[in-house]
Amino acid sequence: MKRLLWMGFLMLTGSALFAQTSPSTVLAVKTGTVLDYEVNVNGQLVPLTMKIFLPAEGGLGFDFEAGDVYGKFINSKEGLESASSTNWETPPAGEEKKLGSDQTTAVFSRSFLKDLIQNKKAQYDGQSWTLKDVPAGSEFSLDNKSKLDFVYVESDSAATKFWILNNKDYPIILKVEGNKKGPDLILKAIH
């Protein structure tokens, strides 16, 4: 009888551990990786596909397509390192938009993420952001299954929230809610 109780306990413990462990996904930031987002444009959900490329001169680029709008964004090497603002303007269809040293698109600068991790606060877009624990019910996962390593930040007013890939080289935006500069979006899949 003791043996049966012991085996039952082991099975329950193993089941509980297994239930708490969810598959983990790595977002490989390399040429050819495709990010599928859902963008909320005035209440309408629009699919956005962004294919990563790494320019020869450094930085981070995205070939993007949203409906009949397509083009390229290139975050400069300098911008990726130390920019302090985001650019949410969509370039005209088919055009390439190279960002300057003080702006990024779809990614934050490395210095912003470093400041957040070290100081729990950082400045971007002319406002203060605070690193926080993710509120219950606001966890981020792909298709409610796979988890990514991310950090969660809120504006001082808590009106805008970002989920950012916790990657010191490429802090890619995974999700944004309450975006004052552009649309809200959420990463749905990685290919």
C-alpha atoms as a PDB file:
ATOM      1  CA  MET A   1       0.000   0.000   0.000  1.00  0.00           C
ATOM      2  CA  LYS A   2       2.813   2.396   0.881  1.00  0.00           C
ATOM      3  CA  ARG A   3       4.375   1.656  -2.481  1.00  0.00           C
ATOM      4  CA  LEU A   4       1.149   2.599  -4.310  1.00  0.00           C
ATOM      5  CA  LEU A   5       0.810   5.822  -2.329  1.00  0.00           C
ATOM      6  CA  TRP A   6       4.448   6.708  -3.028  1.00  0.00           C
ATOM      7  CA  MET A   7       4.058   6.035  -6.765  1.00  0.00           C
ATOM      8  CA  GLY A   8       0.855   8.096  -6.821  1.00  0.00           C
ATOM      9  CA  PHE A   9       2.656  10.975  -5.114  1.00  0.00           C
ATOM     10  CA  LEU A  10       5.507  10.799  -7.656  1.00  0.00           C
ATOM     11  CA  MET A  11       3.058  10.762 -10.545  1.00  0.00           C
ATOM     12  CA  LEU A  12       1.159  13.784  -9.186  1.00  0.00           C
ATOM     13  CA  THR A  13       4.396  15.683  -8.558  1.00  0.00           C
ATOM     14  CA  GLY A  14       5.645  14.877 -12.053  1.00  0.00           C
ATOM     15  CA  SER A  15       2.307  15.927 -13.571  1.00  0.00           C
ATOM     16  CA  ALA A  16       2.377  19.225 -11.687  1.00  0.00           C
ATOM     17  CA  LEU A  17       5.920  19.951 -12.829  1.00  0.00           C
ATOM     18  CA  PHE A  18       5.050  19.066 -16.404  1.00  0.00           C
ATOM     19  CA  ALA A  19       1.927  21.255 -16.335  1.00  0.00           C
ATOM     20  CA  GLN A  20       3.962  24.259 -15.169  1.00  0.00           C
ATOM     21  CA  THR A  21       6.529  23.833 -17.917  1.00  0.00           C
ATOM     22  CA  SER A  22       5.477  25.216 -21.270  1.00  0.00           C
ATOM     23  CA  PRO A  23       7.432  24.966 -24.482  1.00  0.00           C
ATOM     24  CA  SER A  24       9.979  27.722 -24.878  1.00  0.00           C
ATOM     25  CA  THR A  25      10.643  29.425 -28.185  1.00  0.00           C
ATOM     26  CA  VAL A  26      13.775  31.221 -29.247  1.00  0.00           C
ATOM     27  CA  LEU A  27      13.413  34.149 -31.576  1.00  0.00           C
ATOM     28  CA  ALA A  28      16.466  33.724 -33.813  1.00  0.00           C
ATOM     29  CA  VAL A  29      17.339  37.219 -34.974  1.00  0.00           C
ATOM     30  CA  LYS A  30      18.916  36.383 -38.324  1.00  0.00           C
ATOM     31  CA  THR A  31      18.311  37.013 -41.978  1.00  0.00           C
ATOM     32  CA  GLY A  32      15.205  35.137 -43.085  1.00  0.00           C
ATOM     33  CA  THR A  33      13.392  34.915 -39.738  1.00  0.00           C
ATOM     34  CA  VAL A  34       9.744  35.896 -40.268  1.00  0.00           C
ATOM     35  CA  LEU A  35       7.636  37.588 -37.603  1.00  0.00           C
ATOM     36  CA  ASP A  36       3.851  37.515 -38.020  1.00  0.00           C
ATOM     37  CA  TYR A  37       2.077  40.278 -36.107  1.00  0.00           C
ATOM     38  CA  GLU A  38      -1.521  41.336 -35.740  1.00  0.00           C
ATOM     39  CA  VAL A  39      -1.936  45.117 -35.834  1.00  0.00           C
ATOM     40  CA  ASN A  40      -4.940  46.986 -34.452  1.00  0.00           C
ATOM     41  CA  VAL A  41      -5.626  49.872 -36.825  1.00  0.00           C
ATOM     42  CA  ASN A  42      -8.630  51.876 -35.590  1.00  0.00           C
ATOM     43  CA  GLY A  43     -10.275  48.735 -34.220  1.00  0.00           C
ATOM     44  CA  GLN A  44      -9.608  46.637 -37.313  1.00  0.00           C
ATOM     45  CA  LEU A  45      -7.107  43.770 -37.009  1.00  0.00           C
ATOM     46  CA  VAL A  46      -4.637  43.620 -39.892  1.00  0.00           C
ATOM     47  CA  PRO A  47      -1.940  40.956 -40.397  1.00  0.00           C
ATOM     48  CA  LEU A  48       1.616  42.293 -40.635  1.00  0.00           C
ATOM     49  CA  THR A  49       4.529  40.145 -41.798  1.00  0.00           C
ATOM     50  CA  MET A  50       8.059  41.314 -41.067  1.00  0.00           C
ATOM     51  CA  LYS A  51      11.034  39.410 -42.449  1.00  0.00           C
ATOM     52  CA  ILE A  52      14.328  40.152 -40.712  1.00  0.00           C
ATOM     53  CA  PHE A  53      17.522  40.954 -42.578  1.00  0.00           C
ATOM     54  CA  LEU A  54      20.882  42.070 -41.240  1.00  0.00           C
ATOM     55  CA  PRO A  55      22.338  44.854 -43.420  1.00  0.00           C
ATOM     56  CA  ALA A  56      26.045  44.608 -44.318  1.00  0.00           C
ATOM     57  CA  GLU A  57      26.651  47.997 -42.659  1.00  0.00           C
ATOM     58  CA  GLY A  58      25.110  46.759 -39.378  1.00  0.00           C
ATOM     59  CA  GLY A  59      21.798  47.519 -37.753  1.00  0.00           C
ATOM     60  CA  LEU A  60      18.573  45.600 -38.226  1.00  0.00           C
ATOM     61  CA  GLY A  61      16.235  45.572 -41.209  1.00  0.00           C
ATOM     62  CA  PHE A  62      12.694  44.397 -41.845  1.00  0.00           C
ATOM     63  CA  ASP A  63      10.969  43.621 -45.143  1.00  0.00           C
ATOM     64  CA  PHE A  64       7.328  44.177 -44.251  1.00  0.00           C
ATOM     65  CA  GLU A  65       3.938  43.502 -45.798  1.00  0.00           C
ATOM     66  CA  ALA A  66       0.518  44.503 -44.479  1.00  0.00           C
ATOM     67  CA  GLY A  67      -2.215  43.990 -47.045  1.00  0.00           C
ATOM     68  CA  ASP A  68      -1.208  45.947 -50.128  1.00  0.00           C
ATOM     69  CA  VAL A  69       1.381  48.010 -48.236  1.00  0.00           C
ATOM     70  CA  TYR A  70       4.942  46.707 -48.357  1.00  0.00           C
ATOM     71  CA  GLY A  71       8.477  48.005 -48.095  1.00  0.00           C
ATOM     72  CA  LYS A  72      11.604  47.996 -45.942  1.00  0.00           C
ATOM     73  CA  PHE A  73      12.692  49.541 -42.671  1.00  0.00           C
ATOM     74  CA  ILE A  74      16.369  49.716 -41.820  1.00  0.00           C
ATOM     75  CA  ASN A  75      17.371  50.550 -38.261  1.00  0.00           C
ATOM     76  CA  SER A  76      20.880  51.992 -38.438  1.00  0.00           C
ATOM     77  CA  LYS A  77      23.769  50.518 -36.492  1.00  0.00           C
ATOM     78  CA  GLU A  78      23.925  53.737 -34.438  1.00  0.00           C
ATOM     79  CA  GLY A  79      20.158  53.782 -33.870  1.00  0.00           C
ATOM     80  CA  LEU A  80      20.124  50.180 -32.756  1.00  0.00           C
ATOM     81  CA  GLU A  81      22.891  51.029 -30.309  1.00  0.00           C
ATOM     82  CA  SER A  82      21.635  54.268 -28.739  1.00  0.00           C
ATOM     83  CA  ALA A  83      18.437  55.726 -30.263  1.00  0.00           C
ATOM     84  CA  SER A  84      15.956  57.372 -27.923  1.00  0.00           C
ATOM     85  CA  SER A  85      12.750  57.458 -29.984  1.00  0.00           C
ATOM     86  CA  THR A  86      10.557  55.235 -32.149  1.00  0.00           C
ATOM     87  CA  ASN A  87       9.333  55.914 -35.663  1.00  0.00           C
ATOM     88  CA  TRP A  88       5.876  54.584 -36.503  1.00  0.00           C
ATOM     89  CA  GLU A  89       5.501  56.192 -39.942  1.00  0.00           C
ATOM     90  CA  THR A  90       4.817  53.741 -42.744  1.00  0.00           C
ATOM     91  CA  PRO A  91       6.886  54.430 -45.844  1.00  0.00           C
ATOM     92  CA  PRO A  92       5.123  54.669 -49.213  1.00  0.00           C
ATOM     93  CA  ALA A  93       4.476  51.225 -50.740  1.00  0.00           C
ATOM     94  CA  GLY A  94       7.592  49.588 -52.089  1.00  0.00           C
ATOM     95  CA  GLU A  95      10.027  52.089 -50.621  1.00  0.00           C
ATOM     96  CA  GLU A  96      12.947  51.596 -48.289  1.00  0.00           C
ATOM     97  CA  LYS A  97      13.093  53.753 -45.179  1.00  0.00           C
ATOM     98  CA  LYS A  98      16.491  54.159 -43.527  1.00  0.00           C
ATOM     99  CA  LEU A  99      16.228  55.520 -40.022  1.00  0.00           C
ATOM    100  CA  GLY A 100      18.731  57.919 -38.545  1.00  0.00           C
ATOM    101  CA  SER A 101      20.853  57.471 -35.473  1.00  0.00           C
ATOM    102  CA  ASP A 102      18.137  58.579 -33.026  1.00  0.00           C
ATOM    103  CA  GLN A 103      15.165  56.464 -34.175  1.00  0.00           C
ATOM    104  CA  THR A 104      14.144  52.817 -34.313  1.00  0.00           C
ATOM    105  CA  THR A 105      11.217  50.896 -35.764  1.00  0.00           C
ATOM    106  CA  ALA A 106       9.916  47.593 -34.331  1.00  0.00           C
ATOM    107  CA  VAL A 107      12.867  47.471 -31.925  1.00  0.00           C
ATOM    108  CA  PHE A 108      14.244  49.517 -29.038  1.00  0.00           C
ATOM    109  CA  SER A 109      17.869  50.553 -28.717  1.00  0.00           C
ATOM    110  CA  ARG A 110      20.346  48.411 -26.819  1.00  0.00           C
ATOM    111  CA  SER A 111      21.090  51.282 -24.451  1.00  0.00           C
ATOM    112  CA  PHE A 112      17.376  51.577 -23.560  1.00  0.00           C
ATOM    113  CA  LEU A 113      17.152  47.889 -22.636  1.00  0.00           C
ATOM    114  CA  LYS A 114      20.426  48.077 -20.702  1.00  0.00           C
ATOM    115  CA  ASP A 115      19.170  51.094 -18.697  1.00  0.00           C
ATOM    116  CA  LEU A 116      15.871  49.307 -17.983  1.00  0.00           C
ATOM    117  CA  ILE A 117      17.595  46.191 -16.683  1.00  0.00           C
ATOM    118  CA  GLN A 118      20.145  48.092 -14.585  1.00  0.00           C
ATOM    119  CA  ASN A 119      18.016  50.948 -13.241  1.00  0.00           C
ATOM    120  CA  LYS A 120      14.429  49.650 -13.587  1.00  0.00           C
ATOM    121  CA  LYS A 121      13.692  52.947 -15.413  1.00  0.00           C
ATOM    122  CA  ALA A 122      14.718  54.446 -18.751  1.00  0.00           C
ATOM    123  CA  GLN A 123      13.784  57.256 -21.134  1.00  0.00           C
ATOM    124  CA  TYR A 124      12.439  56.747 -24.685  1.00  0.00           C
ATOM    125  CA  ASP A 125      10.166  58.872 -26.858  1.00  0.00           C
ATOM    126  CA  GLY A 126      10.517  61.747 -24.382  1.00  0.00           C
ATOM    127  CA  GLN A 127       8.913  59.839 -21.533  1.00  0.00           C
ATOM    128  CA  SER A 128       9.922  57.666 -18.622  1.00  0.00           C
ATOM    129  CA  TRP A 129       9.388  53.901 -18.713  1.00  0.00           C
ATOM    130  CA  THR A 130       9.433  51.549 -15.730  1.00  0.00           C
ATOM    131  CA  LEU A 131      10.370  47.871 -15.749  1.00  0.00           C
ATOM    132  CA  LYS A 132       7.603  45.949 -13.973  1.00  0.00           C
ATOM    133  CA  ASP A 133       6.397  42.458 -13.244  1.00  0.00           C
ATOM    134  CA  VAL A 134       3.815  41.320 -15.754  1.00  0.00           C
ATOM    135  CA  PRO A 135       0.304  41.756 -14.333  1.00  0.00           C
ATOM    136  CA  ALA A 136      -1.656  38.526 -13.930  1.00  0.00           C
ATOM    137  CA  GLY A 137      -3.533  37.762 -17.123  1.00  0.00           C
ATOM    138  CA  SER A 138      -1.128  39.825 -19.254  1.00  0.00           C
ATOM    139  CA  GLU A 139       1.551  37.213 -19.811  1.00  0.00           C
ATOM    140  CA  PHE A 140       2.888  36.985 -23.357  1.00  0.00           C
ATOM    141  CA  SER A 141       3.018  33.759 -25.348  1.00  0.00           C
ATOM    142  CA  LEU A 142       2.755  32.732 -28.966  1.00  0.00           C
ATOM    143  CA  ASP A 143      -0.583  31.031 -29.656  1.00  0.00           C
ATOM    144  CA  ASN A 144      -1.018  30.595 -25.874  1.00  0.00           C
ATOM    145  CA  LYS A 145       1.680  27.908 -25.978  1.00  0.00           C
ATOM    146  CA  SER A 146       5.262  28.956 -26.528  1.00  0.00           C
ATOM    147  CA  LYS A 147       6.983  31.437 -24.256  1.00  0.00           C
ATOM    148  CA  LEU A 148       9.634  33.986 -25.157  1.00  0.00           C
ATOM    149  CA  ASP A 149      12.035  35.651 -22.750  1.00  0.00           C
ATOM    150  CA  PHE A 150      10.764  39.230 -22.486  1.00  0.00           C
ATOM    151  CA  VAL A 151      10.667  42.302 -20.297  1.00  0.00           C
ATOM    152  CA  TYR A 152       7.512  44.275 -19.558  1.00  0.00           C
ATOM    153  CA  VAL A 153       7.493  48.077 -19.274  1.00  0.00           C
ATOM    154  CA  GLU A 154       4.872  50.723 -18.641  1.00  0.00           C
ATOM    155  CA  SER A 155       4.831  54.459 -19.215  1.00  0.00           C
ATOM    156  CA  ASP A 156       4.631  56.578 -16.062  1.00  0.00           C
ATOM    157  CA  SER A 157       0.899  57.013 -16.615  1.00  0.00           C
ATOM    158  CA  ALA A 158       0.567  53.231 -17.198  1.00  0.00           C
ATOM    159  CA  ALA A 159      -1.428  54.060 -20.334  1.00  0.00           C
ATOM    160  CA  THR A 160       1.130  52.478 -22.694  1.00  0.00           C
ATOM    161  CA  LYS A 161       2.613  49.019 -22.186  1.00  0.00           C
ATOM    162  CA  PHE A 162       5.355  47.193 -24.091  1.00  0.00           C
ATOM    163  CA  TRP A 163       6.472  43.577 -24.057  1.00  0.00           C
ATOM    164  CA  ILE A 164      10.061  43.598 -25.363  1.00  0.00           C
ATOM    165  CA  LEU A 165      12.253  40.648 -26.348  1.00  0.00           C
ATOM    166  CA  ASN A 166      14.871  40.291 -23.615  1.00  0.00           C
ATOM    167  CA  ASN A 167      17.749  40.159 -26.079  1.00  0.00           C
ATOM    168  CA  LYS A 168      20.576  42.603 -25.353  1.00  0.00           C
ATOM    169  CA  ASP A 169      21.475  42.815 -29.053  1.00  0.00           C
ATOM    170  CA  TYR A 170      17.973  42.979 -30.551  1.00  0.00           C
ATOM    171  CA  PRO A 171      15.235  44.197 -28.138  1.00  0.00           C
ATOM    172  CA  ILE A 172      12.389  43.616 -30.614  1.00  0.00           C
ATOM    173  CA  ILE A 173       8.877  44.792 -29.766  1.00  0.00           C
ATOM    174  CA  LEU A 174       6.676  41.744 -29.179  1.00  0.00           C
ATOM    175  CA  LYS A 175       3.516  43.542 -28.131  1.00  0.00           C
ATOM    176  CA  VAL A 176       2.296  47.075 -27.464  1.00  0.00           C
ATOM    177  CA  GLU A 177      -0.970  48.262 -25.887  1.00  0.00           C
ATOM    178  CA  GLY A 178      -2.147  51.858 -25.611  1.00  0.00           C
ATOM    179  CA  ASN A 179       0.383  53.084 -28.174  1.00  0.00           C
ATOM    180  CA  LYS A 180       0.209  56.882 -28.376  1.00  0.00           C
ATOM    181  CA  LYS A 181       2.490  57.116 -31.446  1.00  0.00           C
ATOM    182  CA  GLY A 182       1.081  54.351 -33.615  1.00  0.00           C
ATOM    183  CA  PRO A 183      -1.029  51.191 -33.689  1.00  0.00           C
ATOM    184  CA  ASP A 184      -1.165  48.486 -31.055  1.00  0.00           C
ATOM    185  CA  LEU A 185       0.323  45.185 -32.161  1.00  0.00           C
ATOM    186  CA  ILE A 186       1.085  41.656 -31.000  1.00  0.00           C
ATOM    187  CA  LEU A 187       3.463  39.017 -32.309  1.00  0.00           C
ATOM    188  CA  LYS A 188       1.471  35.897 -33.222  1.00  0.00           C
ATOM    189  CA  ALA A 189       4.042  33.551 -34.815  1.00  0.00           C
ATOM    190  CA  ILE A 190       7.697  33.110 -35.732  1.00  0.00           C
ATOM    191  CA  HIS A 191       8.886  31.178 -38.816  1.00  0.00           C
END
